[in-house]
Amino acid sequence: MTELWVPPSLDEHQAEEFHKLSLGISHAARPLIAMWCFSFWRNHRELDVHWLMHFNNACRRVVFSDPNLTRSAESVQNAISVLPENDLIDLVSYLLSQTDSATRDHVEEIDSILVQGGSGWRVGVRSERYSLVRRLPEGITDIAESVVNHDQRSSRYLKEAWDYAFMASPDPSNAYQAAIKAVESVARELVAPRNGKANLASCAKEIREGKGKWSFAMADSPHRSGVQVVHDMLDLFINAQTDRHPGQVGHAEISEQSAQAAVLMATTLVGWFTMEHFERADDSQSP
């Protein structure tokens, strides 16, 4: 939505540093975000005077304790500008999602504030409503969008995985599970199209046991074939889902970083499978 303005006074090294994404929200952007929040409420009367209390209720924690805070524009903006970062991110996402009348101007304004401030967040869409999502380099998101649009079998799961992994309040477990389903849906079609009971693990086993049946678009390295690399990625992808079997040895909660890595890996694997980078060799038959 927003092009990044770069101060012309910066030298090459400074400009490179300027383009690096922050993990959070800069101190300089906070007053602008606070003003945007208050302006957004003033222009959307379906959010009543107790909107901050409704936000408390929606996020199930007390972020604003004074029910009379909204009586003063200055007090509201001051309170918002000093919020802990997670609370501020959740508030902006709440405002964007709670009204159907969010205009393009409002969306572009907050997106511009975040992008120009070097924030690691920007406006996206989740469940057909505006929300804040993790800001990734444009090349990555462009590739992901291309993969999602290329194959309808996996697109729903892959979209869910990206939403769960990179939204303002991530859900790592569901992100990983959706990523698994996305890869499984295309791997099963390619590796075992006649086996209705095939899962991702059995597909990986079929690839491992029949390496000569498969080909990969990239040339082999001196150490491993491309087919071996694809199998090893699948093996890691499957076994790193450590929350599959509660109570068993090795069970562990999925971290936010692990889920995001899995979604990026799933996007690559789905792309390889659906764009025929990894495919059955010409002289082999499907099981």
Protein backbone atom coordinates (compact mmCIF):
# COMPACT_ATOMS: atom_id res chain seq x y z
CA MET A 1 0.00 0.00 0.00
CA THR A 2 2.68 2.47 1.02
CA GLU A 3 6.02 3.33 -0.57
CA LEU A 4 8.82 4.00 1.90
CA TRP A 5 10.25 7.53 1.80
CA VAL A 6 14.01 7.63 2.38
CA PRO A 7 15.76 10.83 3.54
CA PRO A 8 18.02 11.95 0.65
CA SER A 9 20.72 13.03 3.13
CA LEU A 10 21.58 9.41 3.97
CA ASP A 11 24.69 7.81 2.55
CA GLU A 12 24.60 4.29 1.09
CA HIS A 13 25.31 2.53 4.40
CA GLN A 14 22.79 4.66 6.30
CA ALA A 15 20.15 4.03 3.64
CA GLU A 16 20.72 0.28 3.95
CA GLU A 17 20.22 0.51 7.72
CA PHE A 18 17.16 2.71 7.19
CA HIS A 19 15.48 -0.02 5.13
CA LYS A 20 15.89 -2.69 7.81
CA LEU A 21 12.62 -3.67 9.48
CA SER A 22 12.19 -3.12 13.19
CA LEU A 23 10.65 -5.93 15.21
CA GLY A 24 8.32 -3.47 16.88
CA ILE A 25 6.95 0.08 16.79
CA SER A 26 9.27 3.07 17.03
CA HIS A 27 8.88 5.64 19.76
CA ALA A 28 8.43 8.36 17.13
CA ALA A 29 5.41 6.58 15.62
CA ARG A 30 3.49 6.25 18.88
CA PRO A 31 1.91 9.75 19.01
CA LEU A 32 0.80 9.39 15.38
CA ILE A 33 -0.75 5.97 16.11
CA ALA A 34 -2.50 7.38 19.18
CA MET A 35 -3.95 10.24 17.12
CA TRP A 36 -5.06 7.76 14.45
CA CYS A 37 -6.86 5.62 17.06
CA PHE A 38 -8.75 8.57 18.46
CA SER A 39 -9.58 9.94 15.00
CA PHE A 40 -10.75 6.50 13.91
CA TRP A 41 -13.15 6.31 16.86
CA ARG A 42 -14.45 9.85 16.26
CA ASN A 43 -15.27 8.96 12.65
CA HIS A 44 -16.98 5.64 13.41
CA ARG A 45 -19.91 6.27 15.70
CA GLU A 46 -20.91 2.62 15.83
CA LEU A 47 -18.06 2.41 18.38
CA ASP A 48 -19.72 3.92 21.45
CA VAL A 49 -18.17 6.20 24.06
CA HIS A 50 -17.00 3.22 26.11
CA TRP A 51 -14.97 1.76 23.23
CA LEU A 52 -11.85 1.36 25.35
CA MET A 53 -13.82 -0.69 27.89
CA HIS A 54 -15.15 -2.84 25.06
CA PHE A 55 -11.55 -3.34 23.97
CA ASN A 56 -10.69 -4.52 27.50
CA ASN A 57 -13.52 -7.01 27.31
CA ALA A 58 -12.60 -8.23 23.83
CA CYS A 59 -8.97 -8.92 24.72
CA ARG A 60 -9.98 -10.25 28.19
CA ARG A 61 -7.54 -8.14 30.15
CA VAL A 62 -7.67 -4.66 31.69
CA VAL A 63 -5.62 -2.39 29.47
CA PHE A 64 -7.54 0.81 30.29
CA SER A 65 -8.79 1.10 33.87
CA ASP A 66 -10.52 4.50 33.75
CA PRO A 67 -14.05 4.25 32.23
CA ASN A 68 -14.16 8.08 31.86
CA LEU A 69 -10.95 8.25 29.84
CA THR A 70 -12.73 9.00 26.56
CA ARG A 71 -14.05 12.34 27.86
CA SER A 72 -10.77 14.02 26.89
CA ALA A 73 -9.05 13.62 23.53
CA GLU A 74 -5.69 14.51 25.05
CA SER A 75 -5.99 11.98 27.87
CA VAL A 76 -7.01 9.22 25.44
CA GLN A 77 -4.09 9.91 23.11
CA ASN A 78 -1.61 10.13 25.99
CA ALA A 79 -2.83 6.83 27.42
CA ILE A 80 -2.59 5.10 24.04
CA SER A 81 0.86 6.49 23.22
CA VAL A 82 2.43 4.90 26.33
CA LEU A 83 0.79 1.47 26.01
CA PRO A 84 3.05 -1.60 26.06
CA GLU A 85 3.72 -2.64 22.50
CA ASN A 86 1.53 -5.76 22.49
CA ASP A 87 -1.42 -3.75 23.83
CA LEU A 88 -0.92 -1.06 21.20
CA ILE A 89 -0.78 -3.63 18.38
CA ASP A 90 -3.93 -5.31 19.68
CA LEU A 91 -5.78 -1.98 19.98
CA VAL A 92 -5.07 -0.99 16.37
CA SER A 93 -6.10 -4.46 15.17
CA TYR A 94 -9.28 -4.27 17.26
CA LEU A 95 -10.29 -0.93 15.79
CA LEU A 96 -9.64 -2.13 12.24
CA SER A 97 -11.67 -5.30 12.77
CA GLN A 98 -14.64 -3.91 14.70
CA THR A 99 -16.19 -1.86 11.94
CA ASP A 100 -17.24 -2.63 8.40
CA SER A 101 -16.92 1.02 7.47
CA ALA A 102 -13.14 1.25 7.68
CA THR A 103 -12.42 3.48 4.71
CA ARG A 104 -9.47 3.07 2.40
CA ASP A 105 -8.16 6.42 3.66
CA HIS A 106 -8.10 5.21 7.27
CA VAL A 107 -6.44 1.94 6.31
CA GLU A 108 -3.81 3.63 4.16
CA GLU A 109 -3.14 6.22 6.86
CA ILE A 110 -2.24 3.72 9.59
CA ASP A 111 -0.37 1.54 7.09
CA SER A 112 1.69 4.57 6.05
CA ILE A 113 2.45 5.46 9.67
CA LEU A 114 3.71 1.95 10.35
CA VAL A 115 5.72 1.56 7.14
CA GLN A 116 7.32 5.02 7.26
CA GLY A 117 8.21 4.42 10.91
CA GLY A 118 10.08 1.21 10.05
CA SER A 119 7.65 -0.92 12.01
CA GLY A 120 7.60 -4.70 11.79
CA TRP A 121 3.82 -4.45 11.34
CA ARG A 122 1.49 -3.32 8.60
CA VAL A 123 -2.18 -3.63 7.62
CA GLY A 124 -3.34 -6.94 6.17
CA VAL A 125 -6.56 -8.91 5.90
CA ARG A 126 -7.53 -11.77 8.19
CA SER A 127 -10.89 -13.55 7.98
CA GLU A 128 -12.05 -10.88 5.50
CA ARG A 129 -11.38 -8.04 7.95
CA TYR A 130 -8.50 -5.62 8.25
CA SER A 131 -5.92 -6.43 10.92
CA LEU A 132 -2.25 -5.89 11.68
CA VAL A 133 0.09 -8.57 10.37
CA ARG A 134 3.82 -9.11 10.48
CA ARG A 135 5.60 -7.06 7.83
CA LEU A 136 7.84 -9.26 5.70
CA PRO A 137 10.11 -8.31 2.79
CA GLU A 138 7.89 -7.79 -0.25
CA GLY A 139 9.65 -10.50 -2.26
CA ILE A 140 8.61 -13.14 0.29
CA THR A 141 4.98 -12.08 0.37
CA ASP A 142 4.88 -11.86 -3.43
CA ILE A 143 6.14 -15.45 -3.73
CA ALA A 144 3.68 -16.66 -1.12
CA GLU A 145 0.78 -14.98 -2.91
CA SER A 146 1.89 -16.53 -6.19
CA VAL A 147 2.00 -20.02 -4.66
CA VAL A 148 -1.40 -19.60 -2.99
CA ASN A 149 -3.00 -18.47 -6.24
CA HIS A 150 -1.37 -21.25 -8.27
CA ASP A 151 -3.04 -24.20 -6.56
CA GLN A 152 -6.59 -24.30 -5.20
CA ARG A 153 -6.10 -27.60 -3.35
CA SER A 154 -3.71 -26.11 -0.85
CA SER A 155 -4.66 -22.43 -0.98
CA ARG A 156 -7.17 -22.46 1.89
CA TYR A 157 -4.78 -24.22 4.24
CA LEU A 158 -1.82 -22.08 3.22
CA LYS A 159 -3.79 -18.87 3.73
CA GLU A 160 -4.85 -20.10 7.18
CA ALA A 161 -1.26 -20.97 8.02
CA TRP A 162 -0.02 -17.49 7.08
CA ASP A 163 -2.82 -15.85 9.06
CA TYR A 164 -2.17 -17.90 12.19
CA ALA A 165 1.61 -17.47 11.99
CA PHE A 166 1.94 -13.79 11.17
CA MET A 167 -1.14 -12.13 12.68
CA ALA A 168 -0.95 -9.75 15.64
CA SER A 169 -1.83 -12.53 18.13
CA PRO A 170 -0.23 -15.59 16.52
CA ASP A 171 -1.47 -19.14 17.04
CA PRO A 172 1.64 -21.29 16.42
CA SER A 173 -0.06 -24.67 16.85
CA ASN A 174 -2.83 -23.97 14.36
CA ALA A 175 -0.35 -22.32 11.99
CA TYR A 176 1.78 -25.46 11.91
CA GLN A 177 -1.24 -27.75 11.55
CA ALA A 178 -2.59 -25.73 8.62
CA ALA A 179 0.88 -25.78 7.01
CA ILE A 180 0.98 -29.57 7.33
CA LYS A 181 -2.44 -29.86 5.67
CA ALA A 182 -1.36 -27.57 2.82
CA VAL A 183 1.69 -29.66 1.97
CA GLU A 184 -0.15 -32.94 2.52
CA SER A 185 -2.93 -31.97 0.11
CA VAL A 186 -0.52 -31.52 -2.80
CA ALA A 187 2.00 -34.24 -1.85
CA ARG A 188 -0.71 -36.89 -1.68
CA GLU A 189 -1.98 -35.93 -5.13
CA LEU A 190 1.50 -36.25 -6.60
CA VAL A 191 3.00 -39.16 -4.66
CA ALA A 192 0.02 -41.42 -3.90
CA PRO A 193 -3.01 -40.25 -5.90
CA ARG A 194 -4.70 -43.67 -5.70
CA ASN A 195 -4.25 -44.08 -1.94
CA GLY A 196 -7.02 -42.29 -0.11
CA LYS A 197 -5.39 -43.08 3.26
CA ALA A 198 -2.00 -41.59 2.40
CA ASN A 199 -0.67 -38.90 4.73
CA LEU A 200 2.42 -36.70 4.64
CA ALA A 201 4.57 -39.22 6.52
CA SER A 202 3.68 -42.03 4.11
CA CYS A 203 4.38 -39.72 1.16
CA ALA A 204 7.82 -38.91 2.59
CA LYS A 205 8.49 -42.64 3.03
CA GLU A 206 7.47 -43.31 -0.58
CA ILE A 207 9.92 -40.66 -1.78
CA ARG A 208 12.72 -42.05 0.39
CA GLU A 209 12.24 -45.64 -0.73
CA GLY A 210 11.88 -44.81 -4.41
CA LYS A 211 14.40 -42.03 -4.99
CA GLY A 212 14.95 -43.12 -8.59
CA LYS A 213 11.27 -42.55 -9.34
CA TRP A 214 11.55 -38.80 -8.76
CA SER A 215 13.28 -35.81 -10.28
CA PHE A 216 13.99 -32.28 -9.04
CA ALA A 217 14.49 -29.19 -11.16
CA MET A 218 17.80 -28.18 -9.55
CA ALA A 219 21.06 -29.98 -10.29
CA ASP A 220 22.38 -32.33 -7.58
CA SER A 221 25.17 -31.21 -5.28
CA PRO A 222 28.27 -33.42 -4.79
CA HIS A 223 26.92 -34.39 -1.38
CA ARG A 224 23.17 -34.92 -1.86
CA SER A 225 20.69 -35.20 -4.68
CA GLY A 226 17.87 -32.73 -5.05
CA VAL A 227 15.37 -35.51 -4.37
CA GLN A 228 17.17 -36.26 -1.08
CA VAL A 229 16.95 -32.60 -0.11
CA VAL A 230 13.18 -32.58 -0.74
CA HIS A 231 12.78 -35.73 1.37
CA ASP A 232 14.91 -34.30 4.19
CA MET A 233 12.87 -31.09 4.19
CA LEU A 234 9.69 -33.14 4.47
CA ASP A 235 11.20 -35.23 7.26
CA LEU A 236 12.19 -32.12 9.24
CA PHE A 237 8.86 -30.45 8.52
CA ILE A 238 6.91 -33.45 9.84
CA ASN A 239 9.01 -34.19 12.91
CA ALA A 240 9.40 -30.58 14.04
CA GLN A 241 5.66 -30.48 14.73
CA THR A 242 6.35 -31.31 18.37
CA ASP A 243 2.84 -30.77 19.75
CA ARG A 244 1.15 -33.55 17.77
CA HIS A 245 1.00 -36.13 20.58
CA PRO A 246 0.35 -34.64 24.05
CA GLY A 247 1.77 -36.68 26.90
CA GLN A 248 4.33 -38.52 24.79
CA VAL A 249 8.09 -38.22 25.08
CA GLY A 250 9.36 -35.24 23.11
CA HIS A 251 6.08 -33.35 23.23
CA ALA A 252 6.60 -29.58 23.34
CA GLU A 253 4.61 -26.48 22.50
CA ILE A 254 5.28 -24.94 19.09
CA SER A 255 7.07 -21.59 19.35
CA GLU A 256 6.06 -18.58 17.27
CA GLN A 257 9.40 -18.69 15.42
CA SER A 258 9.10 -22.43 14.71
CA ALA A 259 5.59 -21.98 13.29
CA GLN A 260 6.69 -19.11 11.06
CA ALA A 261 9.64 -21.16 9.78
CA ALA A 262 7.28 -24.06 9.09
CA VAL A 263 4.87 -21.86 7.13
CA LEU A 264 7.70 -20.50 5.00
CA MET A 265 8.94 -24.06 4.42
CA ALA A 266 5.42 -25.20 3.53
CA THR A 267 5.12 -22.40 1.00
CA THR A 268 8.33 -23.56 -0.68
CA LEU A 269 7.28 -27.22 -0.69
CA VAL A 270 3.82 -26.46 -2.09
CA GLY A 271 5.45 -24.35 -4.79
CA TRP A 272 7.85 -27.13 -5.76
CA PHE A 273 5.08 -29.74 -5.90
CA THR A 274 2.50 -27.70 -7.79
CA MET A 275 4.85 -25.99 -10.25
CA GLU A 276 6.40 -29.33 -11.25
CA HIS A 277 9.84 -28.55 -9.85
CA PHE A 278 9.59 -31.87 -8.02
CA GLU A 279 7.85 -34.52 -10.08
CA ARG A 280 7.62 -38.17 -10.98
CA ALA A 281 10.32 -39.35 -13.38
CA ASP A 282 9.10 -40.04 -16.91
CA ASP A 283 9.45 -43.81 -16.71
CA SER A 284 7.84 -44.38 -13.30
CA GLN A 285 4.23 -45.22 -12.50
CA SER A 286 2.14 -43.83 -9.66
CA PRO A 287 1.16 -46.31 -6.92
